[in-house]
Amino acid sequence: MAAHAINDPASGGGSFQADPGRLAVLAADFAGFAERAEDISTRLRAALVDRPWGTDEAGQRFADEHTGPVADTLDRIDTIEAGLAETGETLAVAAAAYRDADGSAAIEVADIVGAAEGGMKKPGDPGRAG
């Protein structure tokens, strides 16, 4: 589908434009971003399991100082991953809604034009194509 613009002179010439196809592509991109954030979190967690800073006194001091901030960072990455996934899902739903509305509007316009020309049947009429 092509982009569709709505101009509203009452709002000072502002406009709204939607391109359902482009929106669907962007939605898929967000799924990839979420997967990447999840991968980063998984790799970081795996790297920290073996306590790479050691178990001696210096390693314990390092752990005491940095384990909390690392846990906070991992929580933030998980939050980012969830937000990216949710944004992608929301964009996909919006793209489908715009595409469906576009299709419905096209049918309605065709019906109006057909009725004005006296030849097209209304939705639900027997023998109506589409």
Protein backbone atom coordinates (compact mmCIF):
# COMPACT_ATOMS: atom_id res chain seq x y z
CA MET A 1 0.00 0.00 0.00
CA ALA A 2 1.11 3.52 -0.64
CA ALA A 3 1.35 6.23 1.96
CA HIS A 4 -1.84 8.14 2.61
CA ALA A 5 -1.96 11.69 3.89
CA ILE A 6 -4.72 13.51 5.68
CA ASN A 7 -4.55 17.30 5.73
CA ASP A 8 -6.51 19.20 8.31
CA PRO A 9 -6.74 22.93 7.51
CA ALA A 10 -8.61 23.47 10.78
CA SER A 11 -5.46 22.53 12.70
CA GLY A 12 -3.31 25.08 10.93
CA GLY A 13 -2.38 22.91 7.97
CA GLY A 14 -1.09 19.95 9.99
CA SER A 15 -1.26 16.56 8.38
CA PHE A 16 -1.09 12.87 9.14
CA GLN A 17 0.46 10.31 6.83
CA ALA A 18 0.52 6.52 7.16
CA ASP A 19 2.34 3.98 5.04
CA PRO A 20 1.17 0.56 6.26
CA GLY A 21 3.84 -1.33 4.30
CA ARG A 22 6.68 0.77 5.70
CA LEU A 23 5.20 0.54 9.19
CA ALA A 24 5.13 -3.26 8.92
CA VAL A 25 8.82 -3.27 7.90
CA LEU A 26 9.70 -1.08 10.87
CA ALA A 27 7.73 -3.38 13.18
CA ALA A 28 9.88 -6.30 12.04
CA ASP A 29 13.01 -4.23 12.67
CA PHE A 30 11.96 -3.74 16.30
CA ALA A 31 11.64 -7.50 16.75
CA GLY A 32 15.26 -7.78 15.61
CA PHE A 33 16.33 -5.04 18.02
CA ALA A 34 14.61 -6.88 20.88
CA GLU A 35 16.37 -10.13 19.93
CA ARG A 36 19.71 -8.34 19.92
CA ALA A 37 19.09 -6.89 23.40
CA GLU A 38 18.11 -10.34 24.64
CA ASP A 39 21.30 -11.81 23.15
CA ILE A 40 23.43 -9.14 24.86
CA SER A 41 21.76 -9.89 28.19
CA THR A 42 22.20 -13.65 27.78
CA ARG A 43 25.88 -13.35 26.84
CA LEU A 44 26.59 -10.96 29.72
CA ARG A 45 24.86 -13.25 32.23
CA ALA A 46 26.83 -16.24 30.91
CA ALA A 47 30.12 -14.32 31.19
CA LEU A 48 29.40 -13.45 34.81
CA VAL A 49 28.36 -16.92 36.03
CA ASP A 50 31.95 -18.03 36.66
CA ARG A 51 32.81 -14.85 38.60
CA PRO A 52 35.53 -13.71 36.17
CA TRP A 53 36.94 -11.37 38.80
CA GLY A 54 38.00 -14.33 40.94
CA THR A 55 37.17 -15.62 44.39
CA ASP A 56 40.14 -14.25 46.28
CA GLU A 57 39.94 -11.19 48.53
CA ALA A 58 40.48 -8.72 45.66
CA GLY A 59 37.87 -10.54 43.60
CA GLN A 60 35.41 -10.42 46.48
CA ARG A 61 35.96 -6.67 46.92
CA PHE A 62 35.40 -6.22 43.19
CA ALA A 63 32.22 -8.30 43.39
CA ASP A 64 30.98 -6.33 46.39
CA GLU A 65 31.48 -3.11 44.47
CA HIS A 66 30.21 -4.12 41.03
CA THR A 67 27.69 -6.96 41.36
CA GLY A 68 24.83 -4.58 42.21
CA PRO A 69 25.43 -2.22 39.27
CA VAL A 70 25.82 -5.22 36.93
CA ALA A 71 22.46 -6.60 38.12
CA ASP A 72 20.89 -3.17 37.59
CA THR A 73 22.35 -3.03 34.07
CA LEU A 74 20.99 -6.49 33.26
CA ASP A 75 17.55 -5.45 34.54
CA ARG A 76 17.68 -2.35 32.32
CA ILE A 77 18.67 -4.39 29.29
CA ASP A 78 15.73 -6.74 29.99
CA THR A 79 13.40 -3.73 30.27
CA ILE A 80 14.73 -2.33 26.99
CA GLU A 81 14.26 -5.72 25.32
CA ALA A 82 10.66 -5.93 26.50
CA GLY A 83 9.98 -2.34 25.41
CA LEU A 84 11.44 -2.94 21.97
CA ALA A 85 9.39 -6.13 21.54
CA GLU A 86 6.21 -4.36 22.66
CA THR A 87 6.89 -1.42 20.34
CA GLY A 88 7.35 -3.80 17.40
CA GLU A 89 4.09 -5.58 18.22
CA THR A 90 2.25 -2.27 18.53
CA LEU A 91 3.61 -1.08 15.18
CA ALA A 92 2.58 -4.37 13.53
CA VAL A 93 -0.96 -4.02 14.90
CA ALA A 94 -1.11 -0.40 13.71
CA ALA A 95 0.13 -1.38 10.24
CA ALA A 96 -2.56 -4.06 9.98
CA ALA A 97 -5.23 -1.62 11.19
CA TYR A 98 -4.20 1.02 8.64
CA ARG A 99 -4.09 -1.60 5.87
CA ASP A 100 -7.54 -2.95 6.86
CA ALA A 101 -9.02 0.54 7.11
CA ASP A 102 -7.53 1.37 3.73
CA GLY A 103 -9.10 -1.72 2.20
CA SER A 104 -12.48 -1.00 3.78
CA ALA A 105 -12.37 2.61 2.62
CA ALA A 106 -11.51 1.52 -0.92
CA ILE A 107 -14.53 -0.82 -0.97
CA GLU A 108 -16.80 1.91 0.35
CA VAL A 109 -15.56 4.42 -2.22
CA ALA A 110 -16.01 1.87 -5.01
CA ASP A 111 -19.53 1.17 -3.77
CA ILE A 112 -20.38 4.87 -3.69
CA VAL A 113 -18.96 5.42 -7.17
CA GLY A 114 -20.74 2.32 -8.44
CA ALA A 115 -24.04 3.38 -6.89
CA ALA A 116 -23.67 6.83 -8.41
CA GLU A 117 -23.09 5.23 -11.78
CA GLY A 118 -26.00 2.86 -11.14
CA GLY A 119 -24.11 -0.33 -11.73
CA MET A 120 -22.40 -1.60 -8.62
CA LYS A 121 -24.09 -3.65 -5.95
CA LYS A 122 -23.82 -2.81 -2.26
CA PRO A 123 -21.77 -4.91 0.20
CA GLY A 124 -23.54 -8.14 0.99
CA ASP A 125 -25.67 -8.10 -2.17
CA PRO A 126 -25.69 -11.43 -4.03
CA GLY A 127 -23.35 -11.45 -6.98
CA ARG A 128 -21.13 -8.65 -5.62
CA ALA A 129 -17.48 -9.16 -6.48
CA GLY A 130 -14.89 -8.70 -3.68
